[in-house]
């Protein structure tokens, strides 16, 4: 019941993409993007953090981004997570271990800059 109530708030969807190795016709190997999960309900959360450096410059504003998603889903490190919200697309990578809770998990994200 709690899980269903949480999912009502998850108005975003995401696709999880992995960079997987494959064998070409000539027996050499290559890599390609493979969508391993598509149209998964989720919620993208933004939080502004103010960091203060011990310099004379102004404080730096940093944005922390989290993905709220079902706790039954496993996303491999290094995967690209594409989130769709209100006609906009955001691309991220997992930046840390997920926080696993009874009815969901929270995954810290960083902007996607390429596969490792």
Protein backbone atom coordinates (compact mmCIF):
# COMPACT_ATOMS: atom_id res chain seq x y z
CA UNK A 1 0.00 0.00 0.00
CA UNK A 2 2.84 2.42 0.87
CA UNK A 3 4.67 1.46 -2.32
CA UNK A 4 1.57 2.28 -4.38
CA UNK A 5 1.24 5.65 -2.64
CA UNK A 6 4.89 6.48 -3.45
CA UNK A 7 4.47 5.54 -7.10
CA UNK A 8 1.69 8.11 -7.48
CA UNK A 9 4.41 10.73 -6.98
CA UNK A 10 6.71 9.13 -9.55
CA UNK A 11 5.61 11.05 -12.63
CA UNK A 12 8.96 10.69 -14.45
CA UNK A 13 10.19 7.67 -16.38
CA UNK A 14 13.70 6.46 -17.09
CA UNK A 15 15.70 4.24 -19.38
CA UNK A 16 18.84 2.48 -18.17
CA UNK A 17 21.51 1.91 -20.83
CA UNK A 18 24.64 -0.22 -20.54
CA UNK A 19 27.71 -0.13 -22.79
CA UNK A 20 28.05 -3.82 -23.66
CA UNK A 21 30.61 -5.79 -25.60
CA UNK A 22 29.52 -7.79 -28.64
CA UNK A 23 31.19 -9.95 -31.31
CA UNK A 24 31.13 -8.70 -34.90
CA UNK A 25 30.69 -10.94 -37.96
CA UNK A 26 34.46 -10.91 -38.49
CA UNK A 27 34.96 -12.26 -34.92
CA UNK A 28 36.38 -8.97 -33.59
CA UNK A 29 34.73 -7.33 -30.61
CA UNK A 30 33.06 -3.98 -30.33
CA UNK A 31 30.87 -2.09 -27.89
CA UNK A 32 27.36 -0.76 -28.25
CA UNK A 33 24.70 0.87 -26.11
CA UNK A 34 21.95 -1.53 -24.98
CA UNK A 35 18.78 -0.38 -23.20
CA UNK A 36 18.34 -2.86 -20.34
CA UNK A 37 15.35 -1.12 -18.72
CA UNK A 38 12.83 1.17 -20.42
CA UNK A 39 9.88 3.31 -19.28
CA UNK A 40 10.55 2.65 -15.59
CA UNK A 41 8.49 4.91 -13.28
CA UNK A 42 10.72 7.12 -11.13
CA UNK A 43 11.08 10.55 -9.55
CA UNK A 44 13.99 12.92 -10.16
CA UNK A 45 14.81 15.14 -7.19
CA UNK A 46 16.99 18.27 -7.20
CA UNK A 47 18.51 19.88 -4.14
CA UNK A 48 20.70 22.97 -4.06
CA UNK A 49 23.66 22.79 -1.73
CA UNK A 50 25.83 25.76 -0.87
CA UNK A 51 29.47 24.96 -0.30
CA UNK A 52 31.83 27.44 1.24
CA UNK A 53 35.49 27.39 0.28
CA UNK A 54 38.04 29.06 2.52
CA UNK A 55 38.89 31.62 -0.16
CA UNK A 56 37.87 35.16 -0.89
CA UNK A 57 35.51 34.14 -3.66
CA UNK A 58 31.75 33.80 -3.35
CA UNK A 59 30.26 30.54 -2.04
CA UNK A 60 29.79 27.91 -4.70
CA UNK A 61 26.31 26.53 -5.39
CA UNK A 62 26.17 22.83 -6.15
CA UNK A 63 23.13 20.85 -7.24
CA UNK A 64 22.62 17.38 -5.79
CA UNK A 65 20.43 15.08 -7.87
CA UNK A 66 18.74 11.86 -6.69
CA UNK A 67 16.64 9.27 -8.45
CA UNK A 68 13.79 7.69 -6.50
CA UNK A 69 12.96 4.29 -7.98
CA UNK A 70 11.61 0.85 -7.03
CA UNK A 71 13.97 -1.02 -4.71
CA UNK A 72 13.66 -4.21 -6.79
CA UNK A 73 15.60 -2.60 -9.66
CA UNK A 74 19.36 -3.05 -9.94
CA UNK A 75 21.37 -0.55 -11.96
CA UNK A 76 24.97 -1.53 -12.70
CA UNK A 77 27.73 0.99 -11.97
CA UNK A 78 28.73 2.87 -15.14
CA UNK A 79 25.24 2.69 -16.68
CA UNK A 80 23.65 5.72 -18.30
CA UNK A 81 20.30 6.71 -16.77
CA UNK A 82 18.09 8.81 -19.04
CA UNK A 83 15.20 10.48 -17.23
CA UNK A 84 12.17 11.89 -19.06
CA UNK A 85 10.18 14.68 -17.40
CA UNK A 86 7.58 16.99 -18.94
CA UNK A 87 9.01 16.66 -22.45
CA UNK A 88 12.61 17.15 -21.28
CA UNK A 89 15.42 14.62 -21.21
CA UNK A 90 18.17 14.42 -18.57
CA UNK A 91 21.18 12.05 -18.76
CA UNK A 92 22.98 10.87 -15.63
CA UNK A 93 25.32 8.25 -14.22
CA UNK A 94 25.05 6.67 -10.80
CA UNK A 95 27.48 8.49 -8.53
CA UNK A 96 27.30 6.40 -5.39
CA UNK A 97 25.73 3.46 -3.66
CA UNK A 98 21.94 3.61 -3.56
CA UNK A 99 20.11 4.12 -0.30
CA UNK A 100 17.84 1.07 -0.02
CA UNK A 101 14.62 1.56 1.92
CA UNK A 102 11.58 -0.67 2.53
CA UNK A 103 9.54 0.67 -0.40
CA UNK A 104 12.05 2.44 -2.66
CA UNK A 105 15.67 3.28 -3.25
CA UNK A 106 17.43 6.62 -3.69
CA UNK A 107 20.30 6.74 -6.17
CA UNK A 108 22.70 9.72 -6.16
CA UNK A 109 23.36 10.94 -9.71
CA UNK A 110 25.93 12.99 -11.62
CA UNK A 111 25.61 14.35 -15.16
CA UNK A 112 26.52 11.70 -17.74
CA UNK A 113 29.91 12.42 -19.30
CA UNK A 114 30.53 9.11 -21.08
CA UNK A 115 31.13 5.48 -20.26
CA UNK A 116 34.08 4.58 -18.02
